[in-house]
Protein backbone atom coordinates (compact mmCIF):
# COMPACT_ATOMS: atom_id res chain seq x y z
CA MET A 1 -1.47 -17.89 7.13
CA VAL A 2 -0.64 -16.20 9.90
CA ASN A 3 1.94 -17.92 11.13
CA PHE A 4 3.52 -18.42 7.50
CA PHE A 5 4.03 -14.48 7.30
CA SER A 6 5.79 -14.05 11.07
CA LYS A 7 8.19 -16.66 10.31
CA TYR A 8 9.10 -15.55 6.89
CA LYS A 9 9.09 -11.46 6.96
CA PHE A 10 11.28 -11.54 4.63
CA PHE A 11 7.43 -11.38 2.08
CA PHE A 12 6.57 -8.31 3.85
CA TYR A 13 10.46 -6.82 2.92
CA ILE A 14 9.91 -8.10 -0.71
CA THR A 15 6.15 -6.69 -1.09
CA ASN A 16 7.61 -3.55 0.60
CA PHE A 17 10.57 -3.62 -2.18
CA VAL A 18 8.32 -4.22 -4.98
CA LEU A 19 6.03 -1.29 -3.75
CA ILE A 20 8.50 1.47 -3.04
CA PHE A 21 10.13 0.57 -6.66
CA ILE A 22 6.81 1.05 -8.55
CA TYR A 23 6.44 4.37 -6.62
CA LEU A 24 9.66 5.58 -7.15
CA PHE A 25 9.26 5.04 -11.03
CA PRO A 26 9.28 7.10 -13.40
CA GLY A 27 6.27 6.71 -14.80
CA SER A 28 4.31 3.96 -15.00
CA LEU A 29 7.01 0.83 -14.57
CA LEU A 30 2.96 -1.35 -14.61
CA GLY A 31 1.98 0.16 -18.35
CA CYS A 32 5.39 -0.36 -19.80
CA ILE A 33 5.20 -4.21 -18.95
CA ILE A 34 0.76 -4.21 -19.30
CA ASN A 35 0.10 -1.04 -22.49
CA HIS A 36 4.25 -1.20 -23.68
CA ASN A 37 3.51 2.51 -22.36
CA CYS A 38 5.05 4.21 -19.62
CA LYS A 39 2.53 7.18 -19.49
CA VAL A 40 -0.15 5.11 -19.32
CA GLN A 41 -0.87 3.64 -15.89
CA PRO A 42 -3.63 0.99 -15.73
CA GLN A 43 -6.48 0.42 -14.07
CA LEU A 44 -7.68 -2.43 -12.23
CA THR A 45 -11.53 -0.44 -11.40
CA SER A 46 -12.89 2.84 -11.63
CA ASP A 47 -11.68 5.44 -9.14
CA TYR A 48 -14.12 6.37 -6.89
CA ILE A 49 -13.53 8.81 -4.04
CA VAL A 50 -9.56 7.72 -3.73
CA SER A 51 -7.67 5.97 -6.49
CA SER A 52 -8.63 2.60 -5.95
CA ASN A 53 -4.87 1.79 -7.46
CA HIS A 54 -3.48 2.65 -4.63
CA PHE A 55 -6.25 1.47 -2.32
CA TYR A 56 -5.34 -1.52 -3.71
CA ALA A 57 -1.53 -1.51 -3.08
CA PHE A 58 -1.40 -0.18 0.35
CA PHE A 59 -4.53 -3.03 1.19
CA ILE A 60 -1.96 -5.58 0.27
CA LEU A 61 0.84 -4.54 2.01
CA SER A 62 -1.08 -3.47 5.18
CA VAL A 63 -2.08 -6.96 5.04
CA ILE A 64 0.81 -8.34 4.59
CA GLY A 65 2.94 -5.62 6.95
CA PHE A 66 0.09 -7.27 9.59
CA PHE A 67 0.17 -10.66 9.23
CA THR A 68 3.70 -10.26 9.98
CA TYR A 69 4.09 -7.85 13.23
CA LYS A 70 0.24 -8.40 14.46
CA ASN A 71 0.05 -5.44 16.47
CA SER A 72 2.50 -3.20 15.83
CA LYS A 73 2.02 -0.01 16.50
CA LEU A 74 4.58 0.90 14.60
CA LEU A 75 3.92 -0.65 12.19
CA LEU A 76 1.11 1.41 12.18
CA VAL A 77 3.55 5.04 11.97
CA TYR A 78 5.16 2.79 8.82
CA LEU A 79 2.90 2.56 7.01
CA ILE A 80 0.88 6.05 7.23
CA LEU A 81 3.86 8.21 7.13
CA LEU A 82 5.51 5.88 3.84
CA SER A 83 1.95 6.29 2.40
CA ILE A 84 2.11 10.10 2.71
CA PHE A 85 6.47 10.06 1.88
CA LEU A 86 6.33 8.46 -0.92
CA GLU A 87 2.63 10.77 -2.95
CA ILE A 88 4.80 13.84 -1.99
CA LEU A 89 8.17 12.30 -3.74
CA HIS A 90 5.26 12.47 -6.88
CA SER A 91 5.79 16.00 -6.24
CA ILE A 92 9.64 15.75 -7.68
CA ILE A 93 9.74 12.58 -10.15
CA PRO A 94 9.78 13.04 -13.04
CA ASN A 95 6.45 11.47 -15.67
CA ARG A 96 4.68 11.90 -12.30
CA SER A 97 1.94 14.23 -9.81
CA PHE A 98 1.26 14.25 -6.34
CA GLU A 99 -2.57 13.90 -6.07
CA MET A 100 -5.13 13.97 -3.68
CA MET A 101 -6.87 11.42 -4.01
CA ASP A 102 -3.58 9.56 -4.56
CA LEU A 103 -3.52 10.37 -1.27
CA PHE A 104 -6.42 9.55 0.40
CA GLY A 105 -6.22 5.85 -1.34
CA ASN A 106 -2.65 4.84 0.28
CA LEU A 107 -3.55 5.53 3.97
CA MET A 108 -7.33 4.40 3.09
CA GLY A 109 -5.55 1.18 2.18
CA VAL A 110 -4.05 1.58 5.31
CA VAL A 111 -7.06 2.30 7.13
CA VAL A 112 -9.01 -0.03 6.21
CA VAL A 113 -6.86 -3.06 7.44
CA MET A 114 -6.16 -1.55 10.40
CA ILE A 115 -9.65 -1.10 11.13
CA LEU A 116 -9.97 -4.97 10.66
CA ASN A 117 -7.52 -6.41 12.59
CA PHE A 118 -8.75 -4.23 14.80
CA CYS A 119 -12.27 -5.64 15.10
CA PHE A 120 -10.57 -8.96 14.88
CA ASN A 121 -8.51 -8.69 17.53
CA TYR A 122 -11.24 -7.47 20.01
CA GLU A 123 -13.39 -9.90 18.92
CA LYS A 124 -10.35 -12.55 19.76
CA PHE A 125 -10.49 -10.25 23.40
CA LYS A 126 -14.27 -10.42 23.96
CA ASN A 127 -14.70 -14.23 24.24
């Protein structure tokens, strides 16, 4: 599976484009499609300390990114800056708002994948 993503990098680019489009859409694009109400965001699971939807979105993007680019420090910087930048943009996009809980969900999605990536790579080098 790792070879599949590194061979076909456009999957990472498409996932990236879709995530950015959903984040920059004024209102909830998924709410428009699923609930027929652009003001109501569909909730996959309940939120705890961080926003679960934001965690899942950046977790999936990060997994695809790390499978595509393996051990790229530039990818890690990009994902962290993207998560911060997109959430800050919510403060100026109509029908969106900046929330710390969402920002932490974005960052936690990236950090969890980074830690898992480090653990799996550490085991490879250890043996």
